[in-house]
């Protein structure tokens, strides 16, 4: 079985003042991790941080996901 990671696109216009999920989750991650980093400013930056800390995503970029996604590396057996 092959794992994949995919991008999703906004299906509807958000109400005024709504923030994208990646922005909210990125700010939450920064608060919980306490690495002294500023919250991500873009979806690509948020993905880069997730990929940095997730073995199966290391080496992938947001841009490389394109419209079809990308395969993820299998995790090493524990």
C-alpha atoms as a PDB file:
ATOM      1  CA  UNK A   1       0.000   0.000   0.000  1.00  0.00           C
ATOM      2  CA  UNK A   2       1.266   3.429  -0.902  1.00  0.00           C
ATOM      3  CA  UNK A   3       0.620   6.419   1.315  1.00  0.00           C
ATOM      4  CA  UNK A   4       0.035   9.819  -0.247  1.00  0.00           C
ATOM      5  CA  UNK A   5      -0.126  13.401   0.923  1.00  0.00           C
ATOM      6  CA  UNK A   6      -2.409  15.814  -0.906  1.00  0.00           C
ATOM      7  CA  UNK A   7      -3.249  19.499  -1.004  1.00  0.00           C
ATOM      8  CA  UNK A   8      -6.799  20.717  -0.681  1.00  0.00           C
ATOM      9  CA  UNK A   9      -8.331  23.825  -2.197  1.00  0.00           C
ATOM     10  CA  UNK A  10     -10.937  26.104  -0.720  1.00  0.00           C
ATOM     11  CA  UNK A  11     -14.415  25.051  -1.821  1.00  0.00           C
ATOM     12  CA  UNK A  12     -16.308  28.149  -0.677  1.00  0.00           C
ATOM     13  CA  UNK A  13     -15.519  31.716   0.152  1.00  0.00           C
ATOM     14  CA  UNK A  14     -14.912  32.034   3.868  1.00  0.00           C
ATOM     15  CA  UNK A  15     -16.895  34.501   5.968  1.00  0.00           C
ATOM     16  CA  UNK A  16     -15.203  37.856   6.655  1.00  0.00           C
ATOM     17  CA  UNK A  17     -12.551  37.536   9.353  1.00  0.00           C
ATOM     18  CA  UNK A  18     -12.159  33.751   8.998  1.00  0.00           C
ATOM     19  CA  UNK A  19      -8.569  32.523   8.939  1.00  0.00           C
ATOM     20  CA  UNK A  20      -7.275  29.566   6.908  1.00  0.00           C
ATOM     21  CA  UNK A  21      -6.894  26.300   8.834  1.00  0.00           C
ATOM     22  CA  UNK A  22      -3.138  26.163   8.149  1.00  0.00           C
ATOM     23  CA  UNK A  23      -2.720  29.567   9.816  1.00  0.00           C
ATOM     24  CA  UNK A  24      -4.677  28.600  12.926  1.00  0.00           C
ATOM     25  CA  UNK A  25      -2.979  25.198  13.260  1.00  0.00           C
ATOM     26  CA  UNK A  26       0.436  26.728  12.612  1.00  0.00           C
ATOM     27  CA  UNK A  27      -0.039  29.262  15.397  1.00  0.00           C
ATOM     28  CA  UNK A  28      -1.219  26.497  17.739  1.00  0.00           C
ATOM     29  CA  UNK A  29       1.806  24.346  16.887  1.00  0.00           C
ATOM     30  CA  UNK A  30       4.170  27.253  17.569  1.00  0.00           C
ATOM     31  CA  UNK A  31       2.521  27.863  20.939  1.00  0.00           C
ATOM     32  CA  UNK A  32       2.750  24.194  21.920  1.00  0.00           C
ATOM     33  CA  UNK A  33       6.297  23.558  20.658  1.00  0.00           C
ATOM     34  CA  UNK A  34       7.919  26.631  22.247  1.00  0.00           C
ATOM     35  CA  UNK A  35      10.802  26.696  19.725  1.00  0.00           C
ATOM     36  CA  UNK A  36      10.841  30.474  19.572  1.00  0.00           C
ATOM     37  CA  UNK A  37       9.619  30.483  15.964  1.00  0.00           C
ATOM     38  CA  UNK A  38       7.079  32.900  14.557  1.00  0.00           C
ATOM     39  CA  UNK A  39       3.870  31.338  13.195  1.00  0.00           C
ATOM     40  CA  UNK A  40       4.044  30.353   9.505  1.00  0.00           C
ATOM     41  CA  UNK A  41       3.085  33.126   7.078  1.00  0.00           C
ATOM     42  CA  UNK A  42       2.055  30.891   4.176  1.00  0.00           C
ATOM     43  CA  UNK A  43       0.666  27.408   3.581  1.00  0.00           C
ATOM     44  CA  UNK A  44       4.005  26.463   1.986  1.00  0.00           C
ATOM     45  CA  UNK A  45       5.877  27.521   5.126  1.00  0.00           C
ATOM     46  CA  UNK A  46       3.453  25.577   7.328  1.00  0.00           C
ATOM     47  CA  UNK A  47       3.979  22.466   5.173  1.00  0.00           C
ATOM     48  CA  UNK A  48       7.769  22.903   5.317  1.00  0.00           C
ATOM     49  CA  UNK A  49       7.646  22.854   9.112  1.00  0.00           C
ATOM     50  CA  UNK A  50       5.446  19.765   9.172  1.00  0.00           C
ATOM     51  CA  UNK A  51       7.732  18.018   6.657  1.00  0.00           C
ATOM     52  CA  UNK A  52      10.784  18.949   8.738  1.00  0.00           C
ATOM     53  CA  UNK A  53       9.364  17.110  11.756  1.00  0.00           C
ATOM     54  CA  UNK A  54       7.638  14.198   9.977  1.00  0.00           C
ATOM     55  CA  UNK A  55       9.936  11.446   8.721  1.00  0.00           C
ATOM     56  CA  UNK A  56       7.561  10.283   5.962  1.00  0.00           C
ATOM     57  CA  UNK A  57       7.349  13.827   4.529  1.00  0.00           C
ATOM     58  CA  UNK A  58      11.010  14.827   4.717  1.00  0.00           C
ATOM     59  CA  UNK A  59      12.295  15.992   1.348  1.00  0.00           C
ATOM     60  CA  UNK A  60       8.840  16.932   0.046  1.00  0.00           C
ATOM     61  CA  UNK A  61       7.853  20.517  -0.685  1.00  0.00           C
ATOM     62  CA  UNK A  62       4.446  22.144  -0.886  1.00  0.00           C
ATOM     63  CA  UNK A  63       5.079  23.048  -4.512  1.00  0.00           C
ATOM     64  CA  UNK A  64       6.024  19.442  -5.401  1.00  0.00           C
ATOM     65  CA  UNK A  65       2.616  18.222  -4.213  1.00  0.00           C
ATOM     66  CA  UNK A  66       0.978  19.900  -7.205  1.00  0.00           C
ATOM     67  CA  UNK A  67      -2.620  18.896  -7.911  1.00  0.00           C
ATOM     68  CA  UNK A  68      -2.110  15.128  -7.649  1.00  0.00           C
ATOM     69  CA  UNK A  69      -0.260  14.947  -4.329  1.00  0.00           C
ATOM     70  CA  UNK A  70       2.879  12.893  -3.759  1.00  0.00           C
ATOM     71  CA  UNK A  71       3.785   9.508  -2.313  1.00  0.00           C
ATOM     72  CA  UNK A  72       5.121   9.469   1.236  1.00  0.00           C
ATOM     73  CA  UNK A  73       8.052   7.415   2.415  1.00  0.00           C
ATOM     74  CA  UNK A  74       7.269   4.420   4.573  1.00  0.00           C
ATOM     75  CA  UNK A  75       8.347   4.786   8.172  1.00  0.00           C
ATOM     76  CA  UNK A  76      11.124   2.506   9.337  1.00  0.00           C
ATOM     77  CA  UNK A  77       9.877  -0.474  11.379  1.00  0.00           C
ATOM     78  CA  UNK A  78       9.967   0.185  15.110  1.00  0.00           C
END
